[in-house]
PDB file of N, CA and C in Angstrom:
ATOM      1  N   MET A   1     150.277  -1.456  32.610  1.00  0.00           N
ATOM      2  CA  MET A   1     149.662  -2.768  32.789  1.00  0.00           C
ATOM      3  C   MET A   1     150.103  -3.313  34.151  1.00  0.00           C
ATOM      4  N   SER A   2     149.136  -3.816  34.893  1.00  0.00           N
ATOM      5  CA  SER A   2     149.478  -4.361  36.211  1.00  0.00           C
ATOM      6  C   SER A   2     150.165  -5.710  36.068  1.00  0.00           C
ATOM      7  N   GLU A   3     150.805  -6.113  37.140  1.00  0.00           N
ATOM      8  CA  GLU A   3     151.500  -7.406  37.169  1.00  0.00           C
ATOM      9  C   GLU A   3     150.516  -8.552  36.925  1.00  0.00           C
ATOM     10  N   VAL A   4     149.325  -8.455  37.520  1.00  0.00           N
ATOM     11  CA  VAL A   4     148.330  -9.525  37.367  1.00  0.00           C
ATOM     12  C   VAL A   4     147.822  -9.577  35.930  1.00  0.00           C
ATOM     13  N   SER A   5     147.640  -8.431  35.304  1.00  0.00           N
ATOM     14  CA  SER A   5     147.220  -8.416  33.893  1.00  0.00           C
ATOM     15  C   SER A   5     148.258  -9.105  33.014  1.00  0.00           C
ATOM     16  N   TYR A   6     149.506  -8.805  33.280  1.00  0.00           N
ATOM     17  CA  TYR A   6     150.596  -9.439  32.534  1.00  0.00           C
ATOM     18  C   TYR A   6     150.576 -10.960  32.738  1.00  0.00           C
ATOM     19  N   LEU A   7     150.417 -11.372  34.000  1.00  0.00           N
ATOM     20  CA  LEU A   7     150.383 -12.809  34.303  1.00  0.00           C
ATOM     21  C   LEU A   7     149.195 -13.484  33.628  1.00  0.00           C
ATOM     22  N   TYR A   8     148.065 -12.796  33.617  1.00  0.00           N
ATOM     23  CA  TYR A   8     146.873 -13.362  32.977  1.00  0.00           C
ATOM     24  C   TYR A   8     147.117 -13.571  31.490  1.00  0.00           C
ATOM     25  N   GLN A   9     147.689 -12.565  30.842  1.00  0.00           N
ATOM     26  CA  GLN A   9     147.948 -12.686  29.409  1.00  0.00           C
ATOM     27  C   GLN A   9     148.976 -13.771  29.107  1.00  0.00           C
ATOM     28  N   LYS A  10     150.011 -13.834  29.914  1.00  0.00           N
ATOM     29  CA  LYS A  10     151.091 -14.780  29.636  1.00  0.00           C
ATOM     30  C   LYS A  10     150.765 -16.203  30.077  1.00  0.00           C
ATOM     31  N   TYR A  11     150.183 -16.350  31.269  1.00  0.00           N
ATOM     32  CA  TYR A  11     149.994 -17.682  31.847  1.00  0.00           C
ATOM     33  C   TYR A  11     148.543 -18.144  31.914  1.00  0.00           C
ATOM     34  N   GLY A  12     147.604 -17.270  31.573  1.00  0.00           N
ATOM     35  CA  GLY A  12     146.191 -17.641  31.607  1.00  0.00           C
ATOM     36  C   GLY A  12     145.873 -18.895  30.807  1.00  0.00           C
ATOM     37  N   PRO A  13     146.356 -18.998  29.568  1.00  0.00           N
ATOM     38  CA  PRO A  13     146.069 -20.209  28.787  1.00  0.00           C
ATOM     39  C   PRO A  13     146.610 -21.496  29.442  1.00  0.00           C
ATOM     40  N   MET A  14     147.780 -21.406  30.053  1.00  0.00           N
ATOM     41  CA  MET A  14     148.361 -22.576  30.736  1.00  0.00           C
ATOM     42  C   MET A  14     147.480 -22.996  31.918  1.00  0.00           C
ATOM     43  N   VAL A  15     147.044 -21.995  32.686  1.00  0.00           N
ATOM     44  CA  VAL A  15     146.206 -22.279  33.852  1.00  0.00           C
ATOM     45  C   VAL A  15     144.861 -22.844  33.406  1.00  0.00           C
ATOM     46  N   LEU A  16     144.288 -22.279  32.352  1.00  0.00           N
ATOM     47  CA  LEU A  16     143.007 -22.772  31.842  1.00  0.00           C
ATOM     48  C   LEU A  16     143.124 -24.214  31.360  1.00  0.00           C
ATOM     49  N   ARG A  17     144.205 -24.561  30.702  1.00  0.00           N
ATOM     50  CA  ARG A  17     144.403 -25.963  30.277  1.00  0.00           C
ATOM     51  C   ARG A  17     144.426 -26.894  31.491  1.00  0.00           C
ATOM     52  N   ARG A  18     145.077 -26.458  32.558  1.00  0.00           N
ATOM     53  CA  ARG A  18     145.133 -27.263  33.787  1.00  0.00           C
ATOM     54  C   ARG A  18     143.730 -27.468  34.346  1.00  0.00           C
ATOM     55  N   TYR A  19     142.952 -26.382  34.399  1.00  0.00           N
ATOM     56  CA  TYR A  19     141.582 -26.496  34.903  1.00  0.00           C
ATOM     57  C   TYR A  19     140.732 -27.393  34.004  1.00  0.00           C
ATOM     58  N   ARG A  20     140.859 -27.249  32.723  1.00  0.00           N
ATOM     59  CA  ARG A  20     140.077 -28.102  31.807  1.00  0.00           C
ATOM     60  C   ARG A  20     140.415 -29.575  32.021  1.00  0.00           C
ATOM     61  N   TYR A  21     141.682 -29.860  32.178  1.00  0.00           N
ATOM     62  CA  TYR A  21     142.114 -31.244  32.373  1.00  0.00           C
ATOM     63  C   TYR A  21     141.585 -31.811  33.688  1.00  0.00           C
ATOM     64  N   LEU A  22     141.731 -31.050  34.762  1.00  0.00           N
ATOM     65  CA  LEU A  22     141.350 -31.569  36.072  1.00  0.00           C
ATOM     66  C   LEU A  22     139.844 -31.557  36.314  1.00  0.00           C
ATOM     67  N   LEU A  23     139.147 -30.554  35.817  1.00  0.00           N
ATOM     68  CA  LEU A  23     137.723 -30.429  36.097  1.00  0.00           C
ATOM     69  C   LEU A  23     136.833 -31.063  35.033  1.00  0.00           C
ATOM     70  N   GLN A  24     137.362 -31.240  33.841  1.00  0.00           N
ATOM     71  CA  GLN A  24     136.615 -31.863  32.748  1.00  0.00           C
ATOM     72  C   GLN A  24     135.289 -31.150  32.465  1.00  0.00           C
ATOM     73  N   ASN A  25     135.308 -29.814  32.606  1.00  0.00           N
ATOM     74  CA  ASN A  25     134.096 -29.044  32.386  1.00  0.00           C
ATOM     75  C   ASN A  25     134.514 -27.616  32.044  1.00  0.00           C
ATOM     76  N   GLU A  26     134.118 -27.157  30.876  1.00  0.00           N
ATOM     77  CA  GLU A  26     134.557 -25.846  30.401  1.00  0.00           C
ATOM     78  C   GLU A  26     134.061 -24.712  31.295  1.00  0.00           C
ATOM     79  N   GLU A  27     132.809 -24.753  31.682  1.00  0.00           N
ATOM     80  CA  GLU A  27     132.253 -23.676  32.512  1.00  0.00           C
ATOM     81  C   GLU A  27     132.949 -23.598  33.871  1.00  0.00           C
ATOM     82  N   ARG A  28     133.137 -24.738  34.498  1.00  0.00           N
ATOM     83  CA  ARG A  28     133.830 -24.747  35.797  1.00  0.00           C
ATOM     84  C   ARG A  28     135.281 -24.301  35.642  1.00  0.00           C
ATOM     85  N   ALA A  29     135.916 -24.688  34.532  1.00  0.00           N
ATOM     86  CA  ALA A  29     137.309 -24.295  34.284  1.00  0.00           C
ATOM     87  C   ALA A  29     137.428 -22.779  34.136  1.00  0.00           C
ATOM     88  N   LEU A  30     136.507 -22.171  33.398  1.00  0.00           N
ATOM     89  CA  LEU A  30     136.541 -20.719  33.218  1.00  0.00           C
ATOM     90  C   LEU A  30     136.270 -19.984  34.533  1.00  0.00           C
ATOM     91  N   ASP A  31     135.332 -20.505  35.321  1.00  0.00           N
ATOM     92  CA  ASP A  31     135.060 -19.902  36.637  1.00  0.00           C
ATOM     93  C   ASP A  31     136.284 -19.992  37.544  1.00  0.00           C
ATOM     94  N   ALA A  32     136.925 -21.144  37.543  1.00  0.00           N
ATOM     95  CA  ALA A  32     138.108 -21.340  38.382  1.00  0.00           C
ATOM     96  C   ALA A  32     139.247 -20.428  37.935  1.00  0.00           C
ATOM     97  N   LEU A  33     139.412 -20.264  36.631  1.00  0.00           N
ATOM     98  CA  LEU A  33     140.438 -19.369  36.104  1.00  0.00           C
ATOM     99  C   LEU A  33     140.201 -17.945  36.596  1.00  0.00           C
ATOM    100  N   GLN A  34     138.971 -17.503  36.508  1.00  0.00           N
ATOM    101  CA  GLN A  34     138.639 -16.158  36.965  1.00  0.00           C
ATOM    102  C   GLN A  34     138.905 -16.016  38.464  1.00  0.00           C
ATOM    103  N   ASP A  35     138.493 -16.992  39.243  1.00  0.00           N
ATOM    104  CA  ASP A  35     138.723 -16.953  40.689  1.00  0.00           C
ATOM    105  C   ASP A  35     140.216 -16.852  41.014  1.00  0.00           C
ATOM    106  N   THR A  36     141.017 -17.572  40.282  1.00  0.00           N
ATOM    107  CA  THR A  36     142.461 -17.567  40.517  1.00  0.00           C
ATOM    108  C   THR A  36     143.047 -16.169  40.352  1.00  0.00           C
ATOM    109  N   PHE A  37     142.689 -15.516  39.270  1.00  0.00           N
ATOM    110  CA  PHE A  37     143.283 -14.205  39.019  1.00  0.00           C
ATOM    111  C   PHE A  37     142.659 -13.110  39.885  1.00  0.00           C
ATOM    112  N   VAL A  38     141.430 -13.300  40.324  1.00  0.00           N
ATOM    113  CA  VAL A  38     140.848 -12.368  41.294  1.00  0.00           C
ATOM    114  C   VAL A  38     141.612 -12.475  42.615  1.00  0.00           C
ATOM    115  N   LYS A  39     141.935 -13.699  43.012  1.00  0.00           N
ATOM    116  CA  LYS A  39     142.734 -13.891  44.228  1.00  0.00           C
ATOM    117  C   LYS A  39     144.107 -13.243  44.087  1.00  0.00           C
ATOM    118  N   LEU A  40     144.702 -13.370  42.914  1.00  0.00           N
ATOM    119  CA  LEU A  40     146.002 -12.736  42.686  1.00  0.00           C
ATOM    120  C   LEU A  40     145.898 -11.222  42.804  1.00  0.00           C
ATOM    121  N   LEU A  41     144.820 -10.657  42.300  1.00  0.00           N
ATOM    122  CA  LEU A  41     144.629  -9.213  42.422  1.00  0.00           C
ATOM    123  C   LEU A  41     144.569  -8.793  43.891  1.00  0.00           C
ATOM    124  N   HIS A  42     143.909  -9.613  44.677  1.00  0.00           N
ATOM    125  CA  HIS A  42     143.762  -9.323  46.098  1.00  0.00           C
ATOM    126  C   HIS A  42     145.121  -9.301  46.810  1.00  0.00           C
ATOM    127  N   TYR A  43     146.006 -10.187  46.396  1.00  0.00           N
ATOM    128  CA  TYR A  43     147.317 -10.311  47.052  1.00  0.00           C
ATOM    129  C   TYR A  43     148.457  -9.714  46.229  1.00  0.00           C
ATOM    130  N   GLU A  44     148.130  -8.924  45.223  1.00  0.00           N
ATOM    131  CA  GLU A  44     149.130  -8.439  44.272  1.00  0.00           C
ATOM    132  C   GLU A  44     150.316  -7.733  44.941  1.00  0.00           C
ATOM    133  N   LYS A  45     150.053  -6.923  45.938  1.00  0.00           N
ATOM    134  CA  LYS A  45     151.147  -6.164  46.555  1.00  0.00           C
ATOM    135  C   LYS A  45     152.089  -7.038  47.359  1.00  0.00           C
ATOM    136  N   ARG A  46     151.625  -8.219  47.781  1.00  0.00           N
ATOM    137  CA  ARG A  46     152.476  -9.105  48.588  1.00  0.00           C
ATOM    138  C   ARG A  46     153.127 -10.216  47.782  1.00  0.00           C
ATOM    139  N   LEU A  47     152.818 -10.289  46.506  1.00  0.00           N
ATOM    140  CA  LEU A  47     153.354 -11.376  45.686  1.00  0.00           C
ATOM    141  C   LEU A  47     154.839 -11.191  45.414  1.00  0.00           C
ATOM    142  N   LYS A  48     155.543 -12.285  45.523  1.00  0.00           N
ATOM    143  CA  LYS A  48     156.941 -12.334  45.085  1.00  0.00           C
ATOM    144  C   LYS A  48     156.983 -13.359  43.966  1.00  0.00           C
ATOM    145  N   LEU A  49     157.132 -12.872  42.772  1.00  0.00           N
ATOM    146  CA  LEU A  49     156.965 -13.733  41.605  1.00  0.00           C
ATOM    147  C   LEU A  49     158.289 -14.114  40.963  1.00  0.00           C
ATOM    148  N   ASP A  50     159.050 -14.923  41.681  1.00  0.00           N
ATOM    149  CA  ASP A  50     160.297 -15.431  41.111  1.00  0.00           C
ATOM    150  C   ASP A  50     160.002 -16.468  40.033  1.00  0.00           C
ATOM    151  N   THR A  51     159.026 -17.320  40.307  1.00  0.00           N
ATOM    152  CA  THR A  51     158.625 -18.369  39.359  1.00  0.00           C
ATOM    153  C   THR A  51     157.108 -18.356  39.225  1.00  0.00           C
ATOM    154  N   PRO A  52     156.565 -17.420  38.437  1.00  0.00           N
ATOM    155  CA  PRO A  52     155.109 -17.279  38.361  1.00  0.00           C
ATOM    156  C   PRO A  52     154.391 -18.499  37.811  1.00  0.00           C
ATOM    157  N   SER A  53     154.993 -19.191  36.859  1.00  0.00           N
ATOM    158  CA  SER A  53     154.301 -20.357  36.295  1.00  0.00           C
ATOM    159  C   SER A  53     154.129 -21.444  37.348  1.00  0.00           C
ATOM    160  N   SER A  54     155.118 -21.645  38.184  1.00  0.00           N
ATOM    161  CA  SER A  54     155.011 -22.645  39.253  1.00  0.00           C
ATOM    162  C   SER A  54     153.948 -22.258  40.266  1.00  0.00           C
ATOM    163  N   LEU A  55     153.920 -20.980  40.632  1.00  0.00           N
ATOM    164  CA  LEU A  55     152.916 -20.499  41.574  1.00  0.00           C
ATOM    165  C   LEU A  55     151.513 -20.678  41.011  1.00  0.00           C
ATOM    166  N   LEU A  56     151.308 -20.280  39.773  1.00  0.00           N
ATOM    167  CA  LEU A  56     149.982 -20.392  39.166  1.00  0.00           C
ATOM    168  C   LEU A  56     149.563 -21.842  38.976  1.00  0.00           C
ATOM    169  N   TYR A  57     150.494 -22.702  38.632  1.00  0.00           N
ATOM    170  CA  TYR A  57     150.196 -24.125  38.472  1.00  0.00           C
ATOM    171  C   TYR A  57     149.770 -24.727  39.816  1.00  0.00           C
ATOM    172  N   ARG A  58     150.459 -24.333  40.869  1.00  0.00           N
ATOM    173  CA  ARG A  58     150.127 -24.827  42.210  1.00  0.00           C
ATOM    174  C   ARG A  58     148.766 -24.296  42.662  1.00  0.00           C
ATOM    175  N   ILE A  59     148.500 -23.020  42.406  1.00  0.00           N
ATOM    176  CA  ILE A  59     147.204 -22.444  42.743  1.00  0.00           C
ATOM    177  C   ILE A  59     146.102 -23.168  41.988  1.00  0.00           C
ATOM    178  N   ALA A  60     146.315 -23.411  40.708  1.00  0.00           N
ATOM    179  CA  ALA A  60     145.312 -24.103  39.889  1.00  0.00           C
ATOM    180  C   ALA A  60     145.012 -25.489  40.447  1.00  0.00           C
ATOM    181  N   THR A  61     146.031 -26.202  40.813  1.00  0.00           N
ATOM    182  CA  THR A  61     145.841 -27.548  41.370  1.00  0.00           C
ATOM    183  C   THR A  61     145.062 -27.478  42.683  1.00  0.00           C
ATOM    184  N   ASN A  62     145.421 -26.531  43.552  1.00  0.00           N
ATOM    185  CA  ASN A  62     144.728 -26.401  44.833  1.00  0.00           C
ATOM    186  C   ASN A  62     143.272 -25.983  44.658  1.00  0.00           C
ATOM    187  N   VAL A  63     143.002 -25.059  43.753  1.00  0.00           N
ATOM    188  CA  VAL A  63     141.626 -24.634  43.496  1.00  0.00           C
ATOM    189  C   VAL A  63     140.802 -25.815  42.981  1.00  0.00           C
ATOM    190  N   CYS A  64     141.386 -26.612  42.091  1.00  0.00           N
ATOM    191  CA  CYS A  64     140.677 -27.796  41.577  1.00  0.00           C
ATOM    192  C   CYS A  64     140.366 -28.779  42.692  1.00  0.00           C
ATOM    193  N   LEU A  65     141.318 -29.010  43.558  1.00  0.00           N
ATOM    194  CA  LEU A  65     141.079 -29.930  44.675  1.00  0.00           C
ATOM    195  C   LEU A  65     139.947 -29.432  45.559  1.00  0.00           C
ATOM    196  N   ILE A  66     139.894 -28.147  45.817  1.00  0.00           N
ATOM    197  CA  ILE A  66     138.814 -27.580  46.626  1.00  0.00           C
ATOM    198  C   ILE A  66     137.467 -27.776  45.929  1.00  0.00           C
ATOM    199  N   ILE A  67     137.418 -27.502  44.641  1.00  0.00           N
ATOM    200  CA  ILE A  67     136.175 -27.658  43.877  1.00  0.00           C
ATOM    201  C   ILE A  67     135.726 -29.114  43.879  1.00  0.00           C
ATOM    202  N   LEU A  68     136.643 -30.025  43.596  1.00  0.00           N
ATOM    203  CA  LEU A  68     136.287 -31.449  43.517  1.00  0.00           C
ATOM    204  C   LEU A  68     135.857 -31.993  44.881  1.00  0.00           C
ATOM    205  N   ARG A  69     136.519 -31.579  45.948  1.00  0.00           N
ATOM    206  CA  ARG A  69     136.114 -32.014  47.292  1.00  0.00           C
ATOM    207  C   ARG A  69     134.725 -31.496  47.630  1.00  0.00           C
ATOM    208  N   SER A  70     134.470 -30.266  47.292  1.00  0.00           N
ATOM    209  CA  SER A  70     133.161 -29.675  47.560  1.00  0.00           C
ATOM    210  C   SER A  70     132.063 -30.418  46.804  1.00  0.00           C
ATOM    211  N   GLU A  71     132.335 -30.756  45.560  1.00  0.00           N
ATOM    212  CA  GLU A  71     131.354 -31.495  44.765  1.00  0.00           C
ATOM    213  C   GLU A  71     131.118 -32.897  45.321  1.00  0.00           C
ATOM    214  N   ARG A  72     132.153 -33.494  45.864  1.00  0.00           N
ATOM    215  CA  ARG A  72     131.995 -34.815  46.454  1.00  0.00           C
ATOM    216  C   ARG A  72     131.114 -34.761  47.699  1.00  0.00           C
ATOM    217  N   ARG A  73     131.278 -33.698  48.469  1.00  0.00           N
ATOM    218  CA  ARG A  73     130.478 -33.536  49.687  1.00  0.00           C
ATOM    219  C   ARG A  73     129.039 -33.181  49.382  1.00  0.00           C
ATOM    220  N   HIS A  74     128.826 -32.472  48.288  1.00  0.00           N
ATOM    221  CA  HIS A  74     127.490 -32.005  47.912  1.00  0.00           C
ATOM    222  C   HIS A  74     127.198 -32.394  46.466  1.00  0.00           C
ATOM    223  N   PRO A  75     127.035 -33.677  46.202  1.00  0.00           N
ATOM    224  CA  PRO A  75     126.821 -34.110  44.815  1.00  0.00           C
ATOM    225  C   PRO A  75     125.471 -33.631  44.279  1.00  0.00           C
ATOM    226  N   LYS A  76     125.451 -33.340  43.007  1.00  0.00           N
ATOM    227  CA  LYS A  76     124.200 -32.967  42.357  1.00  0.00           C
ATOM    228  C   LYS A  76     123.400 -34.235  42.094  1.00  0.00           C
ATOM    229  N   THR A  77     122.121 -34.137  42.233  1.00  0.00           N
ATOM    230  CA  THR A  77     121.260 -35.275  41.942  1.00  0.00           C
ATOM    231  C   THR A  77     120.617 -35.074  40.576  1.00  0.00           C
ATOM    232  N   GLU A  78     120.048 -36.138  40.041  1.00  0.00           N
ATOM    233  CA  GLU A  78     119.361 -36.032  38.761  1.00  0.00           C
ATOM    234  C   GLU A  78     118.174 -35.089  38.868  1.00  0.00           C
ATOM    235  N   GLN A  79     117.516 -35.072  40.028  1.00  0.00           N
ATOM    236  CA  GLN A  79     116.383 -34.179  40.222  1.00  0.00           C
ATOM    237  C   GLN A  79     116.815 -32.722  40.138  1.00  0.00           C
ATOM    238  N   GLU A  80     117.987 -32.396  40.680  1.00  0.00           N
ATOM    239  CA  GLU A  80     118.483 -31.021  40.595  1.00  0.00           C
ATOM    240  C   GLU A  80     118.745 -30.633  39.152  1.00  0.00           C
ATOM    241  N   ASP A  81     119.326 -31.551  38.383  1.00  0.00           N
ATOM    242  CA  ASP A  81     119.570 -31.276  36.972  1.00  0.00           C
ATOM    243  C   ASP A  81     118.256 -31.055  36.229  1.00  0.00           C
ATOM    244  N   LEU A  82     117.270 -31.885  36.507  1.00  0.00           N
ATOM    245  CA  LEU A  82     115.960 -31.745  35.872  1.00  0.00           C
ATOM    246  C   LEU A  82     115.331 -30.414  36.246  1.00  0.00           C
ATOM    247  N   LEU A  83     115.387 -30.062  37.519  1.00  0.00           N
ATOM    248  CA  LEU A  83     114.827 -28.794  37.975  1.00  0.00           C
ATOM    249  C   LEU A  83     115.509 -27.613  37.293  1.00  0.00           C
ATOM    250  N   LEU A  84     116.833 -27.654  37.202  1.00  0.00           N
ATOM    251  CA  LEU A  84     117.563 -26.580  36.529  1.00  0.00           C
ATOM    252  C   LEU A  84     117.181 -26.496  35.056  1.00  0.00           C
ATOM    253  N   ASN A  85     116.996 -27.638  34.403  1.00  0.00           N
ATOM    254  CA  ASN A  85     116.599 -27.632  33.004  1.00  0.00           C
ATOM    255  C   ASN A  85     115.208 -27.029  32.828  1.00  0.00           C
ATOM    256  N   ILE A  86     114.310 -27.326  33.742  1.00  0.00           N
ATOM    257  CA  ILE A  86     112.950 -26.777  33.674  1.00  0.00           C
ATOM    258  C   ILE A  86     112.989 -25.265  33.886  1.00  0.00           C
ATOM    259  N   VAL A  87     113.725 -24.826  34.885  1.00  0.00           N
ATOM    260  CA  VAL A  87     113.816 -23.400  35.187  1.00  0.00           C
ATOM    261  C   VAL A  87     114.430 -22.632  34.034  1.00  0.00           C
ATOM    262  N   ASN A  88     115.430 -23.226  33.393  1.00  0.00           N
ATOM    263  CA  ASN A  88     116.146 -22.526  32.319  1.00  0.00           C
ATOM    264  C   ASN A  88     115.518 -22.697  30.946  1.00  0.00           C
ATOM    265  N   ALA A  89     114.466 -23.503  30.840  1.00  0.00           N
ATOM    266  CA  ALA A  89     113.829 -23.754  29.550  1.00  0.00           C
ATOM    267  C   ALA A  89     113.135 -22.488  29.067  1.00  0.00           C
ATOM    268  N   ASP A  90     113.154 -22.302  27.762  1.00  0.00           N
ATOM    269  CA  ASP A  90     112.427 -21.167  27.170  1.00  0.00           C
ATOM    270  C   ASP A  90     110.971 -21.542  27.075  1.00  0.00           C
ATOM    271  N   HIS A  91     110.131 -20.725  27.666  1.00  0.00           N
ATOM    272  CA  HIS A  91     108.689 -20.957  27.612  1.00  0.00           C
ATOM    273  C   HIS A  91     108.087 -20.056  26.537  1.00  0.00           C
ATOM    274  N   LEU A  92     107.396 -20.669  25.588  1.00  0.00           N
ATOM    275  CA  LEU A  92     106.805 -19.896  24.480  1.00  0.00           C
ATOM    276  C   LEU A  92     105.404 -19.481  24.792  1.00  0.00           C
TER     277      LEU A  92
END
Protein backbone atom coordinates (compact mmCIF):
# COMPACT_ATOMS: atom_id res chain seq x y z
CA MET A 1 0.00 0.00 0.00
CA SER A 2 1.38 3.39 -0.93
CA GLU A 3 1.82 6.19 1.58
CA VAL A 4 -0.94 8.22 -0.11
CA SER A 5 -3.36 5.27 0.02
CA TYR A 6 -2.68 4.94 3.72
CA LEU A 7 -3.21 8.68 4.24
CA TYR A 8 -6.44 8.57 2.26
CA GLN A 9 -7.81 5.72 4.36
CA LYS A 10 -6.74 7.23 7.66
CA TYR A 11 -7.29 10.95 7.09
CA GLY A 12 -9.72 11.09 4.15
CA PRO A 13 -12.82 11.32 6.37
CA MET A 14 -11.26 14.19 8.37
CA VAL A 15 -10.39 16.09 5.20
CA LEU A 16 -13.85 15.48 3.73
CA ARG A 17 -15.50 16.86 6.88
CA ARG A 18 -13.38 20.00 6.52
CA TYR A 19 -14.43 20.40 2.89
CA ARG A 20 -18.10 19.83 3.71
CA TYR A 21 -17.95 22.46 6.44
CA LEU A 22 -16.15 25.08 4.39
CA LEU A 23 -17.79 24.52 1.00
CA GLN A 24 -21.30 23.62 2.18
CA ASN A 25 -21.76 21.42 -0.88
CA GLU A 26 -21.30 17.66 -1.04
CA GLU A 27 -20.31 17.49 -4.71
CA ARG A 28 -17.71 20.24 -4.41
CA ALA A 29 -16.39 18.66 -1.19
CA LEU A 30 -15.90 15.28 -2.88
CA ASP A 31 -14.19 16.91 -5.87
CA ALA A 32 -11.88 18.86 -3.58
CA LEU A 33 -11.05 15.71 -1.60
CA GLN A 34 -10.09 13.91 -4.78
CA ASP A 35 -7.98 16.85 -5.97
CA THR A 36 -6.13 16.91 -2.66
CA PHE A 37 -5.06 13.30 -2.82
CA VAL A 38 -4.19 13.50 -6.52
CA LYS A 39 -1.85 16.36 -5.62
CA LEU A 40 -0.35 14.23 -2.86
CA LEU A 41 0.27 11.44 -5.36
CA HIS A 42 2.10 13.90 -7.57
CA TYR A 43 4.40 14.97 -4.73
CA GLU A 44 4.55 11.63 -2.91
CA LYS A 45 8.30 11.12 -3.26
CA ARG A 46 9.07 14.57 -1.81
CA LEU A 47 6.66 14.44 1.11
CA LYS A 48 7.98 14.51 4.62
CA LEU A 49 5.08 13.42 6.74
CA ASP A 50 5.98 14.15 10.33
CA THR A 51 2.48 15.47 11.01
CA PRO A 52 0.22 14.29 8.18
CA SER A 53 -3.04 15.46 9.75
CA SER A 54 -1.74 19.02 10.03
CA LEU A 55 -0.50 18.98 6.45
CA LEU A 56 -3.78 17.64 5.10
CA TYR A 57 -5.83 20.08 7.18
CA ARG A 58 -3.76 22.97 5.82
CA ILE A 59 -4.07 21.69 2.25
CA ALA A 60 -7.84 21.35 2.68
CA THR A 61 -8.14 24.91 3.95
CA ASN A 62 -6.03 26.28 1.09
CA VAL A 63 -7.95 24.33 -1.56
CA CYS A 64 -11.23 25.66 -0.13
CA LEU A 65 -9.95 29.22 -0.22
CA ILE A 66 -8.96 28.80 -3.87
CA ILE A 67 -12.38 27.36 -4.76
CA LEU A 68 -14.29 30.07 -2.88
CA ARG A 69 -12.20 32.88 -4.39
CA SER A 70 -12.72 31.48 -7.86
CA GLU A 71 -16.47 31.29 -7.31
CA ARG A 72 -16.52 34.87 -6.10
CA ARG A 73 -14.73 36.03 -9.24
CA HIS A 74 -16.98 33.97 -11.51
CA PRO A 75 -20.37 33.72 -9.81
CA LYS A 76 -23.03 31.52 -11.33
CA THR A 77 -26.13 33.29 -12.49
CA GLU A 78 -29.70 32.05 -12.31
CA GLN A 79 -29.68 31.77 -16.10
CA GLU A 80 -26.72 29.38 -15.95
CA ASP A 81 -28.54 27.22 -13.42
CA LEU A 82 -31.65 27.19 -15.62
CA LEU A 83 -29.60 26.31 -18.69
CA LEU A 84 -27.87 23.46 -16.85
CA ASN A 85 -31.24 22.16 -15.65
CA ILE A 86 -32.60 22.21 -19.20
CA VAL A 87 -29.54 20.47 -20.62
CA ASN A 88 -29.60 17.80 -17.91
CA ALA A 89 -33.36 17.22 -18.04
CA ASP A 90 -34.57 13.83 -19.24
CA HIS A 91 -36.43 14.26 -22.49
CA LEU A 92 -39.12 11.63 -23.10
